[in-house]
Amino acid sequence: MDSLIEIQCPVCHASLWVDTVAKQVVQHKRSEKKVHSSFEDLLDKEKRKKEAVEERFSQAKSLEQAKKKKAAEFFEQTIKEK
């Protein structure tokens, strides 16, 4: 049975390798992820997300308007043919 286990910290994402027989930490590795970012970075990220959502919404809205216009034109054309 393997006596080494790897444990990952949920807060800092560091990894610890623990020998369960000797009850000692064998190895430690810090996370390469950036754990904390500044408040301004978070605000900028949320602002970009909001702008992207608004852009997609406006594109979807204009596409729906174009579909409605095309459907109305098709409806008028079929009425004129009869």
C-alpha atoms as a PDB file:
ATOM      1  CA  MET A   1       0.000   0.000   0.000  1.00  0.00           C
ATOM      2  CA  ASP A   2       1.328   3.438  -0.900  1.00  0.00           C
ATOM      3  CA  SER A   3       2.150   5.569   2.092  1.00  0.00           C
ATOM      4  CA  LEU A   4       2.286   8.888   0.199  1.00  0.00           C
ATOM      5  CA  ILE A   5      -0.807  10.997  -0.311  1.00  0.00           C
ATOM      6  CA  GLU A   6      -1.137  14.318  -2.060  1.00  0.00           C
ATOM      7  CA  ILE A   7      -3.232  17.018  -0.447  1.00  0.00           C
ATOM      8  CA  GLN A   8      -4.205  20.241  -2.188  1.00  0.00           C
ATOM      9  CA  CYS A   9      -5.014  23.329  -0.135  1.00  0.00           C
ATOM     10  CA  PRO A  10      -8.428  24.763  -1.113  1.00  0.00           C
ATOM     11  CA  VAL A  11      -7.311  28.293  -0.201  1.00  0.00           C
ATOM     12  CA  CYS A  12      -3.857  28.742  -1.758  1.00  0.00           C
ATOM     13  CA  HIS A  13      -3.930  25.688  -4.104  1.00  0.00           C
ATOM     14  CA  ALA A  14      -0.532  24.501  -2.854  1.00  0.00           C
ATOM     15  CA  SER A  15       0.225  20.780  -2.956  1.00  0.00           C
ATOM     16  CA  LEU A  16       1.553  18.784  -0.009  1.00  0.00           C
ATOM     17  CA  TRP A  17       2.850  15.221  -0.217  1.00  0.00           C
ATOM     18  CA  VAL A  18       2.494  13.505   3.145  1.00  0.00           C
ATOM     19  CA  ASP A  19       4.031  10.215   4.224  1.00  0.00           C
ATOM     20  CA  THR A  20       1.242   8.581   6.239  1.00  0.00           C
ATOM     21  CA  VAL A  21       3.580   6.073   7.902  1.00  0.00           C
ATOM     22  CA  ALA A  22       6.182   8.604   9.076  1.00  0.00           C
ATOM     23  CA  LYS A  23       3.492  11.305   9.496  1.00  0.00           C
ATOM     24  CA  GLN A  24       5.699  13.901   7.825  1.00  0.00           C
ATOM     25  CA  VAL A  25       5.397  16.300   4.925  1.00  0.00           C
ATOM     26  CA  VAL A  26       7.730  14.957   2.254  1.00  0.00           C
ATOM     27  CA  GLN A  27       7.332  17.644  -0.379  1.00  0.00           C
ATOM     28  CA  HIS A  28       5.596  20.991  -0.801  1.00  0.00           C
ATOM     29  CA  LYS A  29       4.846  22.795  -4.053  1.00  0.00           C
ATOM     30  CA  ARG A  30       3.343  26.247  -4.291  1.00  0.00           C
ATOM     31  CA  SER A  31       0.617  26.938  -6.758  1.00  0.00           C
ATOM     32  CA  GLU A  32       1.536  28.574 -10.037  1.00  0.00           C
ATOM     33  CA  LYS A  33      -1.893  30.159 -10.244  1.00  0.00           C
ATOM     34  CA  LYS A  34      -2.318  33.772  -9.322  1.00  0.00           C
ATOM     35  CA  VAL A  35      -4.416  33.464  -6.189  1.00  0.00           C
ATOM     36  CA  HIS A  36      -5.239  37.084  -5.522  1.00  0.00           C
ATOM     37  CA  SER A  37      -5.906  39.854  -7.969  1.00  0.00           C
ATOM     38  CA  SER A  38      -6.525  43.476  -7.303  1.00  0.00           C
ATOM     39  CA  PHE A  39      -9.987  44.910  -6.934  1.00  0.00           C
ATOM     40  CA  GLU A  40      -9.446  47.058 -10.042  1.00  0.00           C
ATOM     41  CA  ASP A  41      -8.584  43.966 -12.085  1.00  0.00           C
ATOM     42  CA  LEU A  42     -11.785  42.285 -10.952  1.00  0.00           C
ATOM     43  CA  LEU A  43     -13.818  45.396 -11.815  1.00  0.00           C
ATOM     44  CA  ASP A  44     -12.230  45.579 -15.278  1.00  0.00           C
ATOM     45  CA  LYS A  45     -12.955  41.895 -15.864  1.00  0.00           C
ATOM     46  CA  GLU A  46     -16.604  42.316 -14.875  1.00  0.00           C
ATOM     47  CA  LYS A  47     -16.886  45.432 -17.053  1.00  0.00           C
ATOM     48  CA  ARG A  48     -15.567  43.514 -20.067  1.00  0.00           C
ATOM     49  CA  LYS A  49     -18.008  40.666 -19.359  1.00  0.00           C
ATOM     50  CA  LYS A  50     -20.897  43.117 -19.164  1.00  0.00           C
ATOM     51  CA  GLU A  51     -19.882  44.804 -22.421  1.00  0.00           C
ATOM     52  CA  ALA A  52     -19.618  41.436 -24.174  1.00  0.00           C
ATOM     53  CA  VAL A  53     -23.074  40.426 -22.946  1.00  0.00           C
ATOM     54  CA  GLU A  54     -24.551  43.742 -24.074  1.00  0.00           C
ATOM     55  CA  GLU A  55     -22.914  43.345 -27.503  1.00  0.00           C
ATOM     56  CA  ARG A  56     -24.294  39.825 -27.917  1.00  0.00           C
ATOM     57  CA  PHE A  57     -27.724  41.020 -26.803  1.00  0.00           C
ATOM     58  CA  SER A  58     -27.755  43.856 -29.332  1.00  0.00           C
ATOM     59  CA  GLN A  59     -26.654  41.479 -32.094  1.00  0.00           C
ATOM     60  CA  ALA A  60     -29.407  39.034 -31.171  1.00  0.00           C
ATOM     61  CA  LYS A  61     -31.941  41.862 -31.075  1.00  0.00           C
ATOM     62  CA  SER A  62     -30.987  43.133 -34.529  1.00  0.00           C
ATOM     63  CA  LEU A  63     -31.079  39.574 -35.894  1.00  0.00           C
ATOM     64  CA  GLU A  64     -34.600  39.091 -34.491  1.00  0.00           C
ATOM     65  CA  GLN A  65     -35.714  42.388 -36.025  1.00  0.00           C
ATOM     66  CA  ALA A  66     -34.307  41.307 -39.394  1.00  0.00           C
ATOM     67  CA  LYS A  67     -36.162  37.977 -39.121  1.00  0.00           C
ATOM     68  CA  LYS A  68     -39.418  39.768 -38.281  1.00  0.00           C
ATOM     69  CA  LYS A  69     -38.973  42.134 -41.218  1.00  0.00           C
ATOM     70  CA  LYS A  70     -38.277  39.247 -43.596  1.00  0.00           C
ATOM     71  CA  ALA A  71     -41.309  37.323 -42.284  1.00  0.00           C
ATOM     72  CA  ALA A  72     -43.527  40.390 -42.687  1.00  0.00           C
ATOM     73  CA  GLU A  73     -42.297  40.912 -46.259  1.00  0.00           C
ATOM     74  CA  PHE A  74     -42.911  37.249 -47.055  1.00  0.00           C
ATOM     75  CA  PHE A  75     -46.410  37.494 -45.545  1.00  0.00           C
ATOM     76  CA  GLU A  76     -47.227  40.613 -47.600  1.00  0.00           C
ATOM     77  CA  GLN A  77     -45.894  38.951 -50.751  1.00  0.00           C
ATOM     78  CA  THR A  78     -48.047  35.853 -50.265  1.00  0.00           C
ATOM     79  CA  ILE A  79     -51.132  37.990 -49.627  1.00  0.00           C
ATOM     80  CA  LYS A  80     -50.546  39.969 -52.855  1.00  0.00           C
ATOM     81  CA  GLU A  81     -50.184  36.750 -54.876  1.00  0.00           C
ATOM     82  CA  LYS A  82     -53.606  35.462 -53.850  1.00  0.00           C
END
